[in-house]
């Protein structure tokens, strides 16, 4: 932990875009001001811990509830072609499937199979 001494009105700069200013010092407390980008969430420690506990409880509840029909699953999308495409982030990373070089038509039941001469 870095410990710094500051007087009222003095600042600490973090990462060039967060400023902590000592606003006032009173008996047993220090008032600080924090300037940060909108995407940086700032909470008091007790509030942060409460949020963490609630999120952990939500996860445990979801696991105990089990999978439902609302869960996200891969979707098969039929395009104008006769083939269906599996649309998800894993399928997009797979190499394309090469068609087989020779696709023999299986013989129908009851028909004799004919072998090609070598």
N, C-alpha and C. Protein backbone atom coordinates (compact mmCIF):
# COMPACT_ATOMS: atom_id res chain seq x y z
N UNK A 1 0.86 -1.17 0.00
CA UNK A 1 0.00 0.00 0.00
C UNK A 1 0.90 1.22 0.00
N UNK A 2 0.57 2.15 -0.86
CA UNK A 2 1.28 3.42 -0.92
C UNK A 2 0.59 4.39 0.03
N UNK A 3 1.33 4.99 0.96
CA UNK A 3 0.77 5.94 1.92
C UNK A 3 1.36 7.31 1.61
N UNK A 4 0.49 8.29 1.35
CA UNK A 4 0.92 9.65 1.03
C UNK A 4 0.35 10.64 2.04
N UNK A 5 1.08 11.69 2.29
CA UNK A 5 0.61 12.77 3.16
C UNK A 5 0.16 13.92 2.27
N UNK A 6 -1.06 14.41 2.50
CA UNK A 6 -1.61 15.52 1.72
C UNK A 6 -2.27 16.51 2.66
N UNK A 7 -2.28 17.76 2.27
CA UNK A 7 -2.98 18.80 3.01
C UNK A 7 -4.27 19.14 2.28
N UNK A 8 -5.22 19.78 2.95
CA UNK A 8 -6.46 20.16 2.26
C UNK A 8 -6.17 20.95 0.98
N UNK A 9 -6.86 20.58 -0.09
CA UNK A 9 -6.68 21.23 -1.38
C UNK A 9 -5.66 20.53 -2.27
N UNK A 10 -4.82 19.68 -1.71
CA UNK A 10 -3.83 18.97 -2.51
C UNK A 10 -4.45 17.71 -3.13
N UNK A 11 -3.84 17.27 -4.23
CA UNK A 11 -4.42 16.17 -4.99
C UNK A 11 -3.44 15.02 -5.17
N UNK A 12 -4.02 13.88 -5.52
CA UNK A 12 -3.29 12.69 -5.95
C UNK A 12 -3.87 12.33 -7.31
N UNK A 13 -3.01 12.03 -8.29
CA UNK A 13 -3.47 11.66 -9.63
C UNK A 13 -3.13 10.18 -9.87
N UNK A 14 -4.13 9.43 -10.33
CA UNK A 14 -3.95 8.01 -10.62
C UNK A 14 -4.21 7.79 -12.11
N UNK A 15 -3.26 7.18 -12.79
CA UNK A 15 -3.37 6.83 -14.22
C UNK A 15 -3.67 8.03 -15.11
N UNK A 16 -3.40 9.22 -14.66
CA UNK A 16 -3.59 10.40 -15.49
C UNK A 16 -5.03 10.84 -15.68
N UNK A 17 -6.02 10.04 -15.24
CA UNK A 17 -7.42 10.44 -15.46
C UNK A 17 -8.28 10.34 -14.20
N UNK A 18 -7.67 10.02 -13.06
CA UNK A 18 -8.40 9.97 -11.80
C UNK A 18 -7.69 10.91 -10.82
N UNK A 19 -8.46 11.84 -10.26
CA UNK A 19 -7.89 12.80 -9.29
C UNK A 19 -8.60 12.66 -7.95
N UNK A 20 -7.80 12.53 -6.91
CA UNK A 20 -8.33 12.47 -5.56
C UNK A 20 -7.85 13.74 -4.86
N UNK A 21 -8.81 14.51 -4.34
CA UNK A 21 -8.51 15.78 -3.68
C UNK A 21 -8.90 15.70 -2.21
N UNK A 22 -8.01 16.14 -1.33
CA UNK A 22 -8.35 16.26 0.09
C UNK A 22 -9.16 17.54 0.23
N UNK A 23 -10.46 17.40 0.54
CA UNK A 23 -11.35 18.55 0.62
C UNK A 23 -11.24 19.20 2.00
N UNK A 24 -11.32 18.40 3.05
CA UNK A 24 -11.20 18.95 4.41
C UNK A 24 -10.77 17.85 5.38
N UNK A 25 -10.23 18.31 6.50
CA UNK A 25 -9.83 17.40 7.56
C UNK A 25 -10.53 17.85 8.82
N UNK A 26 -11.23 16.91 9.47
CA UNK A 26 -11.94 17.23 10.71
C UNK A 26 -11.52 16.25 11.79
N UNK A 27 -12.12 16.38 12.96
CA UNK A 27 -11.76 15.46 14.05
C UNK A 27 -12.22 14.03 13.72
N UNK A 28 -11.25 13.15 13.49
CA UNK A 28 -11.56 11.75 13.24
C UNK A 28 -12.03 11.42 11.83
N UNK A 29 -12.01 12.36 10.91
CA UNK A 29 -12.43 12.05 9.54
C UNK A 29 -11.74 12.94 8.53
N UNK A 30 -11.65 12.43 7.33
CA UNK A 30 -11.08 13.16 6.19
C UNK A 30 -12.12 13.15 5.09
N UNK A 31 -12.40 14.30 4.50
CA UNK A 31 -13.35 14.39 3.40
C UNK A 31 -12.53 14.49 2.11
N UNK A 32 -12.81 13.57 1.17
CA UNK A 32 -12.08 13.58 -0.10
C UNK A 32 -13.05 13.74 -1.26
N UNK A 33 -12.55 14.28 -2.34
CA UNK A 33 -13.31 14.39 -3.58
C UNK A 33 -12.61 13.56 -4.64
N UNK A 34 -13.40 12.90 -5.49
CA UNK A 34 -12.82 12.03 -6.52
C UNK A 34 -13.37 12.44 -7.87
N UNK A 35 -12.47 12.71 -8.81
CA UNK A 35 -12.83 13.00 -10.19
C UNK A 35 -12.35 11.83 -11.03
N UNK A 36 -13.26 11.18 -11.75
CA UNK A 36 -12.91 10.02 -12.57
C UNK A 36 -13.82 9.97 -13.79
N UNK A 37 -13.39 9.26 -14.84
CA UNK A 37 -14.25 9.09 -16.02
C UNK A 37 -15.56 8.40 -15.63
N UNK A 38 -16.59 8.60 -16.44
CA UNK A 38 -17.91 8.03 -16.15
C UNK A 38 -17.90 6.51 -16.11
N UNK A 39 -16.98 5.88 -16.85
CA UNK A 39 -16.95 4.42 -16.89
C UNK A 39 -16.25 3.80 -15.68
N UNK A 40 -15.70 4.61 -14.79
CA UNK A 40 -15.05 4.12 -13.58
C UNK A 40 -16.04 4.20 -12.43
N UNK A 41 -16.36 3.04 -11.86
CA UNK A 41 -17.31 2.99 -10.75
C UNK A 41 -16.56 3.24 -9.45
N UNK A 42 -17.12 4.09 -8.60
CA UNK A 42 -16.50 4.43 -7.32
C UNK A 42 -17.52 4.15 -6.23
N UNK A 43 -17.15 3.29 -5.28
CA UNK A 43 -18.02 2.94 -4.16
C UNK A 43 -17.23 3.01 -2.86
N UNK A 44 -17.93 3.28 -1.77
CA UNK A 44 -17.33 3.11 -0.45
C UNK A 44 -17.13 1.61 -0.25
N UNK A 45 -16.18 1.22 0.59
CA UNK A 45 -15.87 -0.19 0.79
C UNK A 45 -17.08 -0.99 1.24
N UNK A 46 -17.85 -0.48 2.19
CA UNK A 46 -19.00 -1.23 2.70
C UNK A 46 -20.07 -1.43 1.62
N UNK A 47 -20.23 -0.46 0.74
CA UNK A 47 -21.18 -0.58 -0.36
C UNK A 47 -20.67 -1.61 -1.37
N UNK A 48 -19.37 -1.55 -1.69
CA UNK A 48 -18.76 -2.50 -2.61
C UNK A 48 -18.91 -3.93 -2.11
N UNK A 49 -18.64 -4.17 -0.83
CA UNK A 49 -18.77 -5.51 -0.26
C UNK A 49 -20.21 -6.01 -0.30
N UNK A 50 -21.17 -5.13 -0.05
CA UNK A 50 -22.59 -5.50 -0.11
C UNK A 50 -22.97 -5.92 -1.54
N UNK A 51 -22.49 -5.18 -2.52
CA UNK A 51 -22.77 -5.50 -3.93
C UNK A 51 -22.17 -6.86 -4.27
N UNK A 52 -20.95 -7.13 -3.82
CA UNK A 52 -20.30 -8.42 -4.08
C UNK A 52 -21.09 -9.56 -3.47
N UNK A 53 -21.59 -9.39 -2.25
CA UNK A 53 -22.38 -10.42 -1.59
C UNK A 53 -23.68 -10.69 -2.36
N UNK A 54 -24.33 -9.62 -2.81
CA UNK A 54 -25.58 -9.78 -3.56
C UNK A 54 -25.34 -10.49 -4.88
N UNK A 55 -24.25 -10.16 -5.57
CA UNK A 55 -23.95 -10.81 -6.84
C UNK A 55 -23.63 -12.29 -6.62
N UNK A 56 -22.91 -12.62 -5.55
CA UNK A 56 -22.61 -14.02 -5.25
C UNK A 56 -23.90 -14.78 -4.95
N UNK A 57 -24.82 -14.16 -4.21
CA UNK A 57 -26.09 -14.80 -3.90
C UNK A 57 -26.91 -15.02 -5.18
N UNK A 58 -26.87 -14.06 -6.12
CA UNK A 58 -27.58 -14.21 -7.39
C UNK A 58 -27.03 -15.39 -8.19
N UNK A 59 -25.71 -15.54 -8.19
CA UNK A 59 -25.09 -16.65 -8.93
C UNK A 59 -25.48 -17.97 -8.30
N UNK A 60 -25.41 -18.06 -6.97
CA UNK A 60 -25.79 -19.29 -6.29
C UNK A 60 -27.25 -19.64 -6.55
N UNK A 61 -28.11 -18.64 -6.56
CA UNK A 61 -29.53 -18.86 -6.84
C UNK A 61 -29.72 -19.39 -8.26
N UNK A 62 -29.01 -18.81 -9.22
CA UNK A 62 -29.12 -19.24 -10.60
C UNK A 62 -28.64 -20.67 -10.78
N UNK A 63 -27.55 -21.04 -10.09
CA UNK A 63 -27.03 -22.40 -10.19
C UNK A 63 -28.02 -23.38 -9.56
N UNK A 64 -28.58 -23.01 -8.42
CA UNK A 64 -29.54 -23.89 -7.74
C UNK A 64 -30.81 -24.07 -8.57
N UNK A 65 -31.21 -23.02 -9.28
CA UNK A 65 -32.41 -23.07 -10.10
C UNK A 65 -32.24 -24.00 -11.28
N UNK A 66 -31.04 -24.09 -11.81
CA UNK A 66 -30.77 -24.98 -12.95
C UNK A 66 -31.06 -24.29 -14.26
N UNK A 67 -30.84 -25.00 -15.32
CA UNK A 67 -31.06 -24.45 -16.66
C UNK A 67 -32.55 -24.32 -16.95
N UNK A 68 -32.92 -23.24 -17.60
CA UNK A 68 -34.31 -23.02 -17.99
C UNK A 68 -34.38 -22.79 -19.49
N UNK A 69 -35.55 -22.63 -20.00
CA UNK A 69 -35.73 -22.36 -21.42
C UNK A 69 -35.24 -20.98 -21.81
N UNK A 70 -34.98 -20.12 -20.82
CA UNK A 70 -34.52 -18.77 -21.10
C UNK A 70 -33.02 -18.71 -21.35
N UNK A 71 -32.31 -19.81 -21.08
CA UNK A 71 -30.86 -19.81 -21.23
C UNK A 71 -30.49 -19.63 -22.68
N UNK A 72 -29.32 -19.04 -22.91
CA UNK A 72 -28.82 -18.81 -24.25
C UNK A 72 -28.25 -20.12 -24.78
N UNK A 73 -28.59 -20.45 -26.01
CA UNK A 73 -28.05 -21.66 -26.63
C UNK A 73 -27.78 -21.35 -28.10
N UNK A 74 -26.94 -22.17 -28.74
CA UNK A 74 -26.66 -21.93 -30.16
C UNK A 74 -27.94 -21.99 -30.98
N UNK A 75 -27.97 -21.21 -32.04
CA UNK A 75 -29.15 -21.14 -32.90
C UNK A 75 -28.77 -21.61 -34.29
N UNK A 76 -29.59 -22.43 -34.89
CA UNK A 76 -29.35 -22.85 -36.27
C UNK A 76 -30.18 -21.95 -37.16
N UNK A 77 -29.48 -21.33 -38.10
CA UNK A 77 -30.12 -20.38 -39.00
C UNK A 77 -30.13 -20.99 -40.40
N UNK A 78 -31.30 -21.13 -40.98
CA UNK A 78 -31.40 -21.67 -42.33
C UNK A 78 -31.30 -20.52 -43.32
N UNK A 79 -30.33 -20.60 -44.21
CA UNK A 79 -30.17 -19.56 -45.21
C UNK A 79 -30.88 -19.99 -46.48
N UNK A 80 -30.69 -19.26 -47.56
CA UNK A 80 -31.32 -19.59 -48.83
C UNK A 80 -30.82 -20.92 -49.37
N UNK A 81 -29.65 -21.36 -48.91
CA UNK A 81 -29.11 -22.64 -49.36
C UNK A 81 -29.83 -23.76 -48.62
N UNK A 82 -29.52 -24.99 -49.03
CA UNK A 82 -30.14 -26.13 -48.37
C UNK A 82 -29.41 -26.51 -47.09
N UNK A 83 -28.21 -25.95 -46.89
CA UNK A 83 -27.45 -26.30 -45.68
C UNK A 83 -27.78 -25.33 -44.56
N UNK A 84 -27.71 -25.82 -43.32
CA UNK A 84 -27.94 -24.98 -42.15
C UNK A 84 -26.58 -24.61 -41.57
N UNK A 85 -26.51 -23.46 -40.97
CA UNK A 85 -25.25 -22.98 -40.41
C UNK A 85 -25.40 -22.82 -38.91
N UNK A 86 -24.46 -23.37 -38.15
CA UNK A 86 -24.45 -23.20 -36.71
C UNK A 86 -23.86 -21.82 -36.45
N UNK A 87 -24.63 -20.95 -35.81
CA UNK A 87 -24.21 -19.57 -35.62
C UNK A 87 -23.88 -19.33 -34.16
N UNK A 88 -22.62 -19.38 -33.81
CA UNK A 88 -22.17 -18.99 -32.48
C UNK A 88 -20.69 -18.66 -32.56
N UNK A 89 -20.14 -18.14 -31.48
CA UNK A 89 -18.77 -17.65 -31.53
C UNK A 89 -17.74 -18.75 -31.70
N UNK A 90 -18.03 -19.97 -31.26
CA UNK A 90 -17.08 -21.07 -31.41
C UNK A 90 -17.09 -21.56 -32.85
N UNK A 91 -18.28 -21.71 -33.44
CA UNK A 91 -18.38 -22.21 -34.80
C UNK A 91 -17.69 -21.26 -35.78
N UNK A 92 -17.70 -19.97 -35.49
CA UNK A 92 -17.06 -19.00 -36.37
C UNK A 92 -15.55 -19.13 -36.35
N UNK A 93 -14.98 -19.73 -35.32
CA UNK A 93 -13.53 -19.88 -35.21
C UNK A 93 -13.04 -21.19 -35.83
N UNK A 94 -13.95 -22.13 -36.13
CA UNK A 94 -13.56 -23.41 -36.69
C UNK A 94 -13.20 -23.26 -38.17
N UNK A 95 -12.27 -24.10 -38.66
CA UNK A 95 -11.96 -24.03 -40.09
C UNK A 95 -13.15 -24.51 -40.91
N UNK A 96 -13.27 -24.05 -42.16
CA UNK A 96 -14.41 -24.48 -42.98
C UNK A 96 -14.34 -25.98 -43.26
N UNK A 97 -15.49 -26.60 -43.38
CA UNK A 97 -15.58 -28.03 -43.65
C UNK A 97 -15.43 -28.24 -45.15
N UNK A 98 -14.46 -29.10 -45.52
CA UNK A 98 -14.24 -29.41 -46.93
C UNK A 98 -15.17 -30.53 -47.34
N UNK A 99 -15.84 -30.43 -48.51
CA UNK A 99 -16.69 -31.53 -48.95
C UNK A 99 -15.82 -32.74 -49.30
N UNK A 100 -16.35 -33.92 -49.07
CA UNK A 100 -15.62 -35.16 -49.37
C UNK A 100 -15.34 -35.24 -50.86
N UNK A 101 -14.14 -35.74 -51.22
CA UNK A 101 -13.73 -35.79 -52.62
C UNK A 101 -14.63 -36.72 -53.43
N UNK A 102 -14.92 -37.86 -52.90
CA UNK A 102 -15.82 -38.78 -53.62
C UNK A 102 -16.91 -39.22 -52.67
N UNK A 103 -18.10 -38.82 -52.97
CA UNK A 103 -19.23 -39.21 -52.15
C UNK A 103 -20.01 -40.28 -52.91
N UNK A 104 -19.81 -41.51 -52.49
CA UNK A 104 -20.50 -42.62 -53.16
C UNK A 104 -21.93 -42.67 -52.67
N UNK A 105 -22.83 -42.93 -53.60
CA UNK A 105 -24.24 -43.05 -53.24
C UNK A 105 -24.45 -44.45 -52.70
N UNK A 106 -24.99 -44.58 -51.51
CA UNK A 106 -25.19 -45.92 -50.96
C UNK A 106 -26.22 -46.69 -51.78
N UNK A 107 -25.99 -47.99 -51.86
CA UNK A 107 -26.92 -48.85 -52.59
C UNK A 107 -28.21 -48.97 -51.81
N UNK A 108 -29.31 -49.06 -52.51
CA UNK A 108 -30.60 -49.23 -51.85
C UNK A 108 -30.75 -50.67 -51.39
N UNK A 109 -31.57 -50.87 -50.42
CA UNK A 109 -31.79 -52.20 -49.89
C UNK A 109 -32.42 -53.06 -50.98
N UNK A 110 -31.86 -54.23 -51.14
CA UNK A 110 -32.39 -55.15 -52.14
C UNK A 110 -31.68 -55.03 -53.47
N UNK A 111 -30.88 -53.99 -53.71
CA UNK A 111 -30.14 -53.85 -54.96
C UNK A 111 -28.72 -54.37 -54.76
N UNK A 112 -28.20 -55.08 -55.73
CA UNK A 112 -26.82 -55.59 -55.59
C UNK A 112 -25.82 -54.44 -55.71
N UNK A 113 -24.75 -54.55 -54.98
CA UNK A 113 -23.68 -53.55 -55.07
C UNK A 113 -22.74 -53.95 -56.20
N UNK A 114 -22.34 -52.98 -56.97
CA UNK A 114 -21.44 -53.24 -58.08
C UNK A 114 -20.10 -52.63 -57.74
N UNK A 115 -19.06 -53.47 -57.84
CA UNK A 115 -17.69 -52.97 -57.59
C UNK A 115 -17.06 -52.58 -58.91
N UNK A 116 -16.26 -51.52 -58.84
CA UNK A 116 -15.53 -51.08 -60.03
C UNK A 116 -14.31 -51.96 -60.20
N UNK A 117 -13.96 -52.25 -61.42
CA UNK A 117 -12.77 -53.06 -61.71
C UNK A 117 -11.54 -52.22 -61.47
N UNK A 118 -10.51 -52.87 -60.96
CA UNK A 118 -9.27 -52.15 -60.70
C UNK A 118 -8.28 -52.33 -61.79
